Amino acid sequence: MSSAPRIPAEAFKAVAEADLPCLICGSPHAPNVAAFVPTSAEAKFVAGPPAAGKQRVLIYRACNRCLGDAARDPDRFERLLLQAVSSSRERQ
């Protein structure tokens, strides 16, 4: 059985307390905790189907530079985020 948090508040807390790098660029200084809800067909394909009646949410660490990039070009940021998720799934 997975030890992953079951509710968003627990997941946010776990990610905030973890010493994780920025998911996008790998920077070790990633003070921000962010969430991504896949809505596009591509995002849903990459993230995988959620359980019945559930919504998939990716909670991750991000550096200030990447969050700034996300604000300036959200579509490009989503593509980078999906690439990072795809890469991490391939390594598992």
PDB file of N, CA and C in Angstrom:
ATOM      1  N   MET A   1       0.843  -1.183   0.000  1.00  0.00           N
ATOM      2  CA  MET A   1       0.000   0.000   0.000  1.00  0.00           C
ATOM      3  C   MET A   1       0.885   1.242   0.000  1.00  0.00           C
ATOM      4  N   SER A   2       0.502   2.236  -0.723  1.00  0.00           N
ATOM      5  CA  SER A   2       1.271   3.465  -0.837  1.00  0.00           C
ATOM      6  C   SER A   2       1.210   4.279   0.448  1.00  0.00           C
ATOM      7  N   SER A   3       2.336   4.941   0.745  1.00  0.00           N
ATOM      8  CA  SER A   3       2.354   5.819   1.911  1.00  0.00           C
ATOM      9  C   SER A   3       2.115   7.270   1.502  1.00  0.00           C
ATOM     10  N   ALA A   4       1.766   7.492   0.247  1.00  0.00           N
ATOM     11  CA  ALA A   4       1.512   8.845  -0.244  1.00  0.00           C
ATOM     12  C   ALA A   4       0.317   9.449   0.485  1.00  0.00           C
ATOM     13  N   PRO A   5       0.381  10.755   0.771  1.00  0.00           N
ATOM     14  CA  PRO A   5      -0.754  11.411   1.421  1.00  0.00           C
ATOM     15  C   PRO A   5      -2.020  11.274   0.583  1.00  0.00           C
ATOM     16  N   ARG A   6      -3.139  11.155   1.225  1.00  0.00           N
ATOM     17  CA  ARG A   6      -4.409  10.936   0.541  1.00  0.00           C
ATOM     18  C   ARG A   6      -5.182  12.221   0.263  1.00  0.00           C
ATOM     19  N   ILE A   7      -4.918  13.284   0.991  1.00  0.00           N
ATOM     20  CA  ILE A   7      -5.654  14.522   0.767  1.00  0.00           C
ATOM     21  C   ILE A   7      -4.678  15.632   0.407  1.00  0.00           C
ATOM     22  N   PRO A   8      -5.116  16.625  -0.366  1.00  0.00           N
ATOM     23  CA  PRO A   8      -4.205  17.679  -0.818  1.00  0.00           C
ATOM     24  C   PRO A   8      -3.449  18.380   0.304  1.00  0.00           C
ATOM     25  N   ALA A   9      -4.093  18.656   1.418  1.00  0.00           N
ATOM     26  CA  ALA A   9      -3.401  19.355   2.507  1.00  0.00           C
ATOM     27  C   ALA A   9      -2.217  18.538   3.014  1.00  0.00           C
ATOM     28  N   GLU A  10      -2.391  17.223   3.132  1.00  0.00           N
ATOM     29  CA  GLU A  10      -1.289  16.360   3.570  1.00  0.00           C
ATOM     30  C   GLU A  10      -0.174  16.333   2.526  1.00  0.00           C
ATOM     31  N   ALA A  11      -0.548  16.287   1.267  1.00  0.00           N
ATOM     32  CA  ALA A  11       0.440  16.255   0.196  1.00  0.00           C
ATOM     33  C   ALA A  11       1.221  17.559   0.142  1.00  0.00           C
ATOM     34  N   PHE A  12       0.537  18.699   0.246  1.00  0.00           N
ATOM     35  CA  PHE A  12       1.228  19.988   0.264  1.00  0.00           C
ATOM     36  C   PHE A  12       2.213  20.036   1.420  1.00  0.00           C
ATOM     37  N   LYS A  13       1.783  19.590   2.593  1.00  0.00           N
ATOM     38  CA  LYS A  13       2.646  19.614   3.767  1.00  0.00           C
ATOM     39  C   LYS A  13       3.860  18.715   3.564  1.00  0.00           C
ATOM     40  N   ALA A  14       3.651  17.520   3.032  1.00  0.00           N
ATOM     41  CA  ALA A  14       4.751  16.588   2.805  1.00  0.00           C
ATOM     42  C   ALA A  14       5.764  17.152   1.817  1.00  0.00           C
ATOM     43  N   VAL A  15       5.296  17.751   0.739  1.00  0.00           N
ATOM     44  CA  VAL A  15       6.200  18.328  -0.253  1.00  0.00           C
ATOM     45  C   VAL A  15       6.908  19.545   0.323  1.00  0.00           C
ATOM     46  N   ALA A  16       6.197  20.363   1.088  1.00  0.00           N
ATOM     47  CA  ALA A  16       6.806  21.548   1.700  1.00  0.00           C
ATOM     48  C   ALA A  16       7.911  21.168   2.681  1.00  0.00           C
ATOM     49  N   GLU A  17       7.745  20.064   3.369  1.00  0.00           N
ATOM     50  CA  GLU A  17       8.730  19.638   4.363  1.00  0.00           C
ATOM     51  C   GLU A  17       9.885  18.846   3.740  1.00  0.00           C
ATOM     52  N   ALA A  18       9.707  18.378   2.518  1.00  0.00           N
ATOM     53  CA  ALA A  18      10.742  17.579   1.855  1.00  0.00           C
ATOM     54  C   ALA A  18      11.786  18.495   1.225  1.00  0.00           C
ATOM     55  N   ASP A  19      13.011  18.018   1.209  1.00  0.00           N
ATOM     56  CA  ASP A  19      14.099  18.764   0.588  1.00  0.00           C
ATOM     57  C   ASP A  19      14.217  18.316  -0.865  1.00  0.00           C
ATOM     58  N   LEU A  20      13.320  18.834  -1.701  1.00  0.00           N
ATOM     59  CA  LEU A  20      13.256  18.430  -3.102  1.00  0.00           C
ATOM     60  C   LEU A  20      13.757  19.549  -4.009  1.00  0.00           C
ATOM     61  N   PRO A  21      14.349  19.193  -5.149  1.00  0.00           N
ATOM     62  CA  PRO A  21      14.760  20.211  -6.116  1.00  0.00           C
ATOM     63  C   PRO A  21      13.565  20.686  -6.944  1.00  0.00           C
ATOM     64  N   CYS A  22      13.789  21.739  -7.706  1.00  0.00           N
ATOM     65  CA  CYS A  22      12.769  22.230  -8.640  1.00  0.00           C
ATOM     66  C   CYS A  22      12.476  21.119  -9.646  1.00  0.00           C
ATOM     67  N   LEU A  23      11.224  20.802  -9.825  1.00  0.00           N
ATOM     68  CA  LEU A  23      10.843  19.732 -10.748  1.00  0.00           C
ATOM     69  C   LEU A  23      11.206  20.070 -12.188  1.00  0.00           C
ATOM     70  N   ILE A  24      11.191  21.346 -12.538  1.00  0.00           N
ATOM     71  CA  ILE A  24      11.422  21.753 -13.925  1.00  0.00           C
ATOM     72  C   ILE A  24      12.907  21.817 -14.274  1.00  0.00           C
ATOM     73  N   CYS A  25      13.682  22.567 -13.487  1.00  0.00           N
ATOM     74  CA  CYS A  25      15.094  22.786 -13.855  1.00  0.00           C
ATOM     75  C   CYS A  25      16.076  22.023 -12.980  1.00  0.00           C
ATOM     76  N   GLY A  26      15.607  21.459 -11.875  1.00  0.00           N
ATOM     77  CA  GLY A  26      16.496  20.706 -10.999  1.00  0.00           C
ATOM     78  C   GLY A  26      17.255  21.538  -9.993  1.00  0.00           C
ATOM     79  N   SER A  27      16.993  22.842  -9.942  1.00  0.00           N
ATOM     80  CA  SER A  27      17.688  23.703  -8.982  1.00  0.00           C
ATOM     81  C   SER A  27      17.473  23.184  -7.560  1.00  0.00           C
ATOM     82  N   PRO A  28      18.550  23.118  -6.768  1.00  0.00           N
ATOM     83  CA  PRO A  28      18.393  22.647  -5.389  1.00  0.00           C
ATOM     84  C   PRO A  28      17.662  23.662  -4.504  1.00  0.00           C
ATOM     85  N   HIS A  29      17.612  24.913  -4.945  1.00  0.00           N
ATOM     86  CA  HIS A  29      16.903  25.948  -4.181  1.00  0.00           C
ATOM     87  C   HIS A  29      15.508  26.125  -4.796  1.00  0.00           C
ATOM     88  N   ALA A  30      14.536  25.415  -4.243  1.00  0.00           N
ATOM     89  CA  ALA A  30      13.159  25.449  -4.757  1.00  0.00           C
ATOM     90  C   ALA A  30      12.221  25.723  -3.585  1.00  0.00           C
ATOM     91  N   PRO A  31      12.073  26.992  -3.213  1.00  0.00           N
ATOM     92  CA  PRO A  31      11.307  27.324  -2.018  1.00  0.00           C
ATOM     93  C   PRO A  31       9.786  27.275  -2.187  1.00  0.00           C
ATOM     94  N   ASN A  32       9.318  27.111  -3.400  1.00  0.00           N
ATOM     95  CA  ASN A  32       7.882  27.178  -3.664  1.00  0.00           C
ATOM     96  C   ASN A  32       7.259  25.796  -3.812  1.00  0.00           C
ATOM     97  N   VAL A  33       6.057  25.652  -3.291  1.00  0.00           N
ATOM     98  CA  VAL A  33       5.272  24.440  -3.502  1.00  0.00           C
ATOM     99  C   VAL A  33       4.126  24.841  -4.427  1.00  0.00           C
ATOM    100  N   ALA A  34       3.982  24.101  -5.508  1.00  0.00           N
ATOM    101  CA  ALA A  34       2.965  24.434  -6.503  1.00  0.00           C
ATOM    102  C   ALA A  34       2.137  23.196  -6.823  1.00  0.00           C
ATOM    103  N   ALA A  35       1.007  23.434  -7.460  1.00  0.00           N
ATOM    104  CA  ALA A  35       0.125  22.329  -7.841  1.00  0.00           C
ATOM    105  C   ALA A  35      -0.252  22.467  -9.307  1.00  0.00           C
ATOM    106  N   PHE A  36      -0.405  21.322  -9.945  1.00  0.00           N
ATOM    107  CA  PHE A  36      -0.799  21.265 -11.344  1.00  0.00           C
ATOM    108  C   PHE A  36      -1.936  20.265 -11.466  1.00  0.00           C
ATOM    109  N   VAL A  37      -3.025  20.700 -12.080  1.00  0.00           N
ATOM    110  CA  VAL A  37      -4.166  19.821 -12.321  1.00  0.00           C
ATOM    111  C   VAL A  37      -4.237  19.590 -13.825  1.00  0.00           C
ATOM    112  N   PRO A  38      -3.955  18.375 -14.272  1.00  0.00           N
ATOM    113  CA  PRO A  38      -3.976  18.110 -15.712  1.00  0.00           C
ATOM    114  C   PRO A  38      -5.390  18.190 -16.277  1.00  0.00           C
ATOM    115  N   THR A  39      -5.551  19.031 -17.286  1.00  0.00           N
ATOM    116  CA  THR A  39      -6.863  19.174 -17.922  1.00  0.00           C
ATOM    117  C   THR A  39      -6.810  18.892 -19.419  1.00  0.00           C
ATOM    118  N   SER A  40      -5.658  19.144 -20.053  1.00  0.00           N
ATOM    119  CA  SER A  40      -5.569  18.885 -21.493  1.00  0.00           C
ATOM    120  C   SER A  40      -5.471  17.380 -21.729  1.00  0.00           C
ATOM    121  N   ALA A  41      -5.781  16.952 -22.949  1.00  0.00           N
ATOM    122  CA  ALA A  41      -5.702  15.527 -23.285  1.00  0.00           C
ATOM    123  C   ALA A  41      -4.275  15.021 -23.104  1.00  0.00           C
ATOM    124  N   GLU A  42      -3.288  15.832 -23.516  1.00  0.00           N
ATOM    125  CA  GLU A  42      -1.883  15.440 -23.365  1.00  0.00           C
ATOM    126  C   GLU A  42      -1.517  15.280 -21.895  1.00  0.00           C
ATOM    127  N   ALA A  43      -1.936  16.225 -21.083  1.00  0.00           N
ATOM    128  CA  ALA A  43      -1.627  16.165 -19.649  1.00  0.00           C
ATOM    129  C   ALA A  43      -2.273  14.960 -18.998  1.00  0.00           C
ATOM    130  N   LYS A  44      -3.503  14.678 -19.371  1.00  0.00           N
ATOM    131  CA  LYS A  44      -4.192  13.517 -18.797  1.00  0.00           C
ATOM    132  C   LYS A  44      -3.504  12.225 -19.223  1.00  0.00           C
ATOM    133  N   PHE A  45      -3.001  12.188 -20.456  1.00  0.00           N
ATOM    134  CA  PHE A  45      -2.300  11.003 -20.933  1.00  0.00           C
ATOM    135  C   PHE A  45      -1.005  10.792 -20.153  1.00  0.00           C
ATOM    136  N   VAL A  46      -0.236  11.866 -19.970  1.00  0.00           N
ATOM    137  CA  VAL A  46       1.044  11.776 -19.266  1.00  0.00           C
ATOM    138  C   VAL A  46       0.843  11.429 -17.794  1.00  0.00           C
ATOM    139  N   ALA A  47      -0.115  12.087 -17.152  1.00  0.00           N
ATOM    140  CA  ALA A  47      -0.340  11.876 -15.724  1.00  0.00           C
ATOM    141  C   ALA A  47      -1.012  10.548 -15.435  1.00  0.00           C
ATOM    142  N   GLY A  48      -1.689  10.026 -16.413  1.00  0.00           N
ATOM    143  CA  GLY A  48      -2.406   8.773 -16.215  1.00  0.00           C
ATOM    144  C   GLY A  48      -3.804   9.031 -15.706  1.00  0.00           C
ATOM    145  N   PRO A  49      -4.657   8.058 -15.870  1.00  0.00           N
ATOM    146  CA  PRO A  49      -6.049   8.246 -15.469  1.00  0.00           C
ATOM    147  C   PRO A  49      -6.193   8.227 -13.940  1.00  0.00           C
ATOM    148  N   PRO A  50      -6.982   9.142 -13.411  1.00  0.00           N
ATOM    149  CA  PRO A  50      -7.233   9.113 -11.961  1.00  0.00           C
ATOM    150  C   PRO A  50      -8.230   8.007 -11.622  1.00  0.00           C
ATOM    151  N   ALA A  51      -8.283   7.668 -10.369  1.00  0.00           N
ATOM    152  CA  ALA A  51      -9.276   6.685  -9.913  1.00  0.00           C
ATOM    153  C   ALA A  51     -10.672   7.252 -10.151  1.00  0.00           C
ATOM    154  N   ALA A  52     -11.638   6.388 -10.264  1.00  0.00           N
ATOM    155  CA  ALA A  52     -13.015   6.816 -10.500  1.00  0.00           C
ATOM    156  C   ALA A  52     -13.455   7.808  -9.433  1.00  0.00           C
ATOM    157  N   GLY A  53     -14.017   8.923  -9.877  1.00  0.00           N
ATOM    158  CA  GLY A  53     -14.517   9.936  -8.960  1.00  0.00           C
ATOM    159  C   GLY A  53     -13.444  10.823  -8.352  1.00  0.00           C
ATOM    160  N   LYS A  54     -12.197  10.698  -8.825  1.00  0.00           N
ATOM    161  CA  LYS A  54     -11.078  11.476  -8.282  1.00  0.00           C
ATOM    162  C   LYS A  54     -10.504  12.393  -9.353  1.00  0.00           C
ATOM    163  N   GLN A  55      -9.712  13.349  -8.932  1.00  0.00           N
ATOM    164  CA  GLN A  55      -9.004  14.255  -9.839  1.00  0.00           C
ATOM    165  C   GLN A  55      -7.517  14.119  -9.559  1.00  0.00           C
ATOM    166  N   ARG A  56      -6.727  13.992 -10.588  1.00  0.00           N
ATOM    167  CA  ARG A  56      -5.281  13.904 -10.420  1.00  0.00           C
ATOM    168  C   ARG A  56      -4.723  15.301 -10.178  1.00  0.00           C
ATOM    169  N   VAL A  57      -3.844  15.432  -9.169  1.00  0.00           N
ATOM    170  CA  VAL A  57      -3.182  16.692  -8.853  1.00  0.00           C
ATOM    171  C   VAL A  57      -1.709  16.389  -8.616  1.00  0.00           C
ATOM    172  N   LEU A  58      -0.828  17.133  -9.292  1.00  0.00           N
ATOM    173  CA  LEU A  58       0.602  16.998  -9.099  1.00  0.00           C
ATOM    174  C   LEU A  58       1.063  18.142  -8.208  1.00  0.00           C
ATOM    175  N   ILE A  59       1.647  17.813  -7.078  1.00  0.00           N
ATOM    176  CA  ILE A  59       2.175  18.822  -6.162  1.00  0.00           C
ATOM    177  C   ILE A  59       3.689  18.695  -6.205  1.00  0.00           C
ATOM    178  N   TYR A  60       4.374  19.807  -6.434  1.00  0.00           N
ATOM    179  CA  TYR A  60       5.812  19.759  -6.680  1.00  0.00           C
ATOM    180  C   TYR A  60       6.501  21.011  -6.146  1.00  0.00           C
ATOM    181  N   ARG A  61       7.837  20.950  -6.079  1.00  0.00           N
ATOM    182  CA  ARG A  61       8.654  22.097  -5.686  1.00  0.00           C
ATOM    183  C   ARG A  61       9.084  22.837  -6.942  1.00  0.00           C
ATOM    184  N   ALA A  62       9.201  24.154  -6.844  1.00  0.00           N
ATOM    185  CA  ALA A  62       9.626  24.969  -7.979  1.00  0.00           C
ATOM    186  C   ALA A  62      10.472  26.130  -7.488  1.00  0.00           C
ATOM    187  N   CYS A  63      11.455  26.495  -8.277  1.00  0.00           N
ATOM    188  CA  CYS A  63      12.289  27.652  -7.949  1.00  0.00           C
ATOM    189  C   CYS A  63      11.580  28.935  -8.404  1.00  0.00           C
ATOM    190  N   ASN A  64      12.068  30.063  -7.940  1.00  0.00           N
ATOM    191  CA  ASN A  64      11.461  31.350  -8.292  1.00  0.00           C
ATOM    192  C   ASN A  64      11.531  31.628  -9.795  1.00  0.00           C
ATOM    193  N   ARG A  65      12.647  31.254 -10.422  1.00  0.00           N
ATOM    194  CA  ARG A  65      12.803  31.505 -11.860  1.00  0.00           C
ATOM    195  C   ARG A  65      11.763  30.730 -12.668  1.00  0.00           C
ATOM    196  N   CYS A  66      11.579  29.469 -12.346  1.00  0.00           N
ATOM    197  CA  CYS A  66      10.608  28.659 -13.097  1.00  0.00           C
ATOM    198  C   CYS A  66       9.177  29.140 -12.860  1.00  0.00           C
ATOM    199  N   LEU A  67       8.861  29.551 -11.639  1.00  0.00           N
ATOM    200  CA  LEU A  67       7.516  30.086 -11.399  1.00  0.00           C
ATOM    201  C   LEU A  67       7.302  31.385 -12.166  1.00  0.00           C
ATOM    202  N   GLY A  68       8.340  32.201 -12.269  1.00  0.00           N
ATOM    203  CA  GLY A  68       8.245  33.420 -13.074  1.00  0.00           C
ATOM    204  C   GLY A  68       8.028  33.098 -14.534  1.00  0.00           C
ATOM    205  N   ASP A  69       8.753  32.085 -15.025  1.00  0.00           N
ATOM    206  CA  ASP A  69       8.565  31.635 -16.415  1.00  0.00           C
ATOM    207  C   ASP A  69       7.142  31.145 -16.631  1.00  0.00           C
ATOM    208  N   ALA A  70       6.594  30.458 -15.649  1.00  0.00           N
ATOM    209  CA  ALA A  70       5.223  29.931 -15.754  1.00  0.00           C
ATOM    210  C   ALA A  70       4.222  31.068 -15.890  1.00  0.00           C
ATOM    211  N   ALA A  71       4.439  32.136 -15.145  1.00  0.00           N
ATOM    212  CA  ALA A  71       3.519  33.269 -15.206  1.00  0.00           C
ATOM    213  C   ALA A  71       3.583  33.965 -16.568  1.00  0.00           C
ATOM    214  N   ARG A  72       4.771  33.987 -17.167  1.00  0.00           N
ATOM    215  CA  ARG A  72       4.937  34.668 -18.455  1.00  0.00           C
ATOM    216  C   ARG A  72       4.444  33.832 -19.632  1.00  0.00           C
ATOM    217  N   ASP A  73       4.601  32.505 -19.550  1.00  0.00           N
ATOM    218  CA  ASP A  73       4.228  31.641 -20.670  1.00  0.00           C
ATOM    219  C   ASP A  73       3.673  30.314 -20.146  1.00  0.00           C
ATOM    220  N   PRO A  74       2.410  30.323 -19.707  1.00  0.00           N
ATOM    221  CA  PRO A  74       1.837  29.126 -19.085  1.00  0.00           C
ATOM    222  C   PRO A  74       1.823  27.895 -19.987  1.00  0.00           C
ATOM    223  N   ASP A  75       1.605  28.069 -21.286  1.00  0.00           N
ATOM    224  CA  ASP A  75       1.558  26.914 -22.187  1.00  0.00           C
ATOM    225  C   ASP A  75       2.928  26.237 -22.286  1.00  0.00           C
ATOM    226  N   ARG A  76       3.971  27.042 -22.411  1.00  0.00           N
ATOM    227  CA  ARG A  76       5.328  26.482 -22.457  1.00  0.00           C
ATOM    228  C   ARG A  76       5.653  25.803 -21.137  1.00  0.00           C
ATOM    229  N   PHE A  77       5.260  26.414 -20.027  1.00  0.00           N
ATOM    230  CA  PHE A  77       5.535  25.831 -18.717  1.00  0.00           C
ATOM    231  C   PHE A  77       4.831  24.487 -18.569  1.00  0.00           C
ATOM    232  N   GLU A  78       3.603  24.394 -19.050  1.00  0.00           N
ATOM    233  CA  GLU A  78       2.890  23.115 -18.964  1.00  0.00           C
ATOM    234  C   GLU A  78       3.631  22.043 -19.746  1.00  0.00           C
ATOM    235  N   ARG A  79       4.151  22.393 -20.916  1.00  0.00           N
ATOM    236  CA  ARG A  79       4.918  21.413 -21.700  1.00  0.00           C
ATOM    237  C   ARG A  79       6.168  20.972 -20.940  1.00  0.00           C
ATOM    238  N   LEU A  80       6.873  21.919 -20.318  1.00  0.00           N
ATOM    239  CA  LEU A  80       8.069  21.579 -19.532  1.00  0.00           C
ATOM    240  C   LEU A  80       7.705  20.693 -18.340  1.00  0.00           C
ATOM    241  N   LEU A  81       6.612  21.015 -17.702  1.00  0.00           N
ATOM    242  CA  LEU A  81       6.146  20.233 -16.552  1.00  0.00           C
ATOM    243  C   LEU A  81       5.808  18.805 -16.983  1.00  0.00           C
ATOM    244  N   LEU A  82       5.124  18.663 -18.102  1.00  0.00           N
ATOM    245  CA  LEU A  82       4.773  17.334 -18.599  1.00  0.00           C
ATOM    246  C   LEU A  82       6.024  16.545 -18.991  1.00  0.00           C
ATOM    247  N   GLN A  83       7.023  17.225 -19.556  1.00  0.00           N
ATOM    248  CA  GLN A  83       8.280  16.551 -19.879  1.00  0.00           C
ATOM    249  C   GLN A  83       8.957  16.059 -18.605  1.00  0.00           C
ATOM    250  N   ALA A  84       8.954  16.891 -17.576  1.00  0.00           N
ATOM    251  CA  ALA A  84       9.581  16.493 -16.296  1.00  0.00           C
ATOM    252  C   ALA A  84       8.857  15.305 -15.693  1.00  0.00           C
ATOM    253  N   VAL A  85       7.534  15.307 -15.739  1.00  0.00           N
ATOM    254  CA  VAL A  85       6.763  14.197 -15.192  1.00  0.00           C
ATOM    255  C   VAL A  85       7.029  12.930 -16.004  1.00  0.00           C
ATOM    256  N   SER A  86       7.052  13.061 -17.324  1.00  0.00           N
ATOM    257  CA  SER A  86       7.326  11.902 -18.187  1.00  0.00           C
ATOM    258  C   SER A  86       8.694  11.327 -17.891  1.00  0.00           C
ATOM    259  N   SER A  87       9.698  12.189 -17.749  1.00  0.00           N
ATOM    260  CA  SER A  87      11.060  11.734 -17.479  1.00  0.00           C
ATOM    261  C   SER A  87      11.145  11.020 -16.144  1.00  0.00           C
ATOM    262  N   SER A  88      10.483  11.554 -15.125  1.00  0.00           N
ATOM    263  CA  SER A  88      10.561  10.940 -13.807  1.00  0.00           C
ATOM    264  C   SER A  88       9.830   9.592 -13.795  1.00  0.00           C
ATOM    265  N   ARG A  89       8.785   9.461 -14.568  1.00  0.00           N
ATOM    266  CA  ARG A  89       8.060   8.173 -14.630  1.00  0.00           C
ATOM    267  C   ARG A  89       8.920   7.136 -15.344  1.00  0.00           C
ATOM    268  N   GLU A  90       9.691   7.558 -16.367  1.00  0.00           N
ATOM    269  CA  GLU A  90      10.544   6.626 -17.102  1.00  0.00           C
ATOM    270  C   GLU A  90      11.682   6.113 -16.227  1.00  0.00           C
ATOM    271  N   ARG A  91      12.186   6.950 -15.302  1.00  0.00           N
ATOM    272  CA  ARG A  91      13.297   6.563 -14.427  1.00  0.00           C
ATOM    273  C   ARG A  91      12.865   5.583 -13.345  1.00  0.00           C
ATOM    274  N   GLN A  92      11.579   5.513 -13.037  1.00  0.00           N
ATOM    275  CA  GLN A  92      11.115   4.653 -11.944  1.00  0.00           C
ATOM    276  C   GLN A  92      11.157   3.196 -12.318  1.00  0.00           C
TER     277      GLN A  92
END
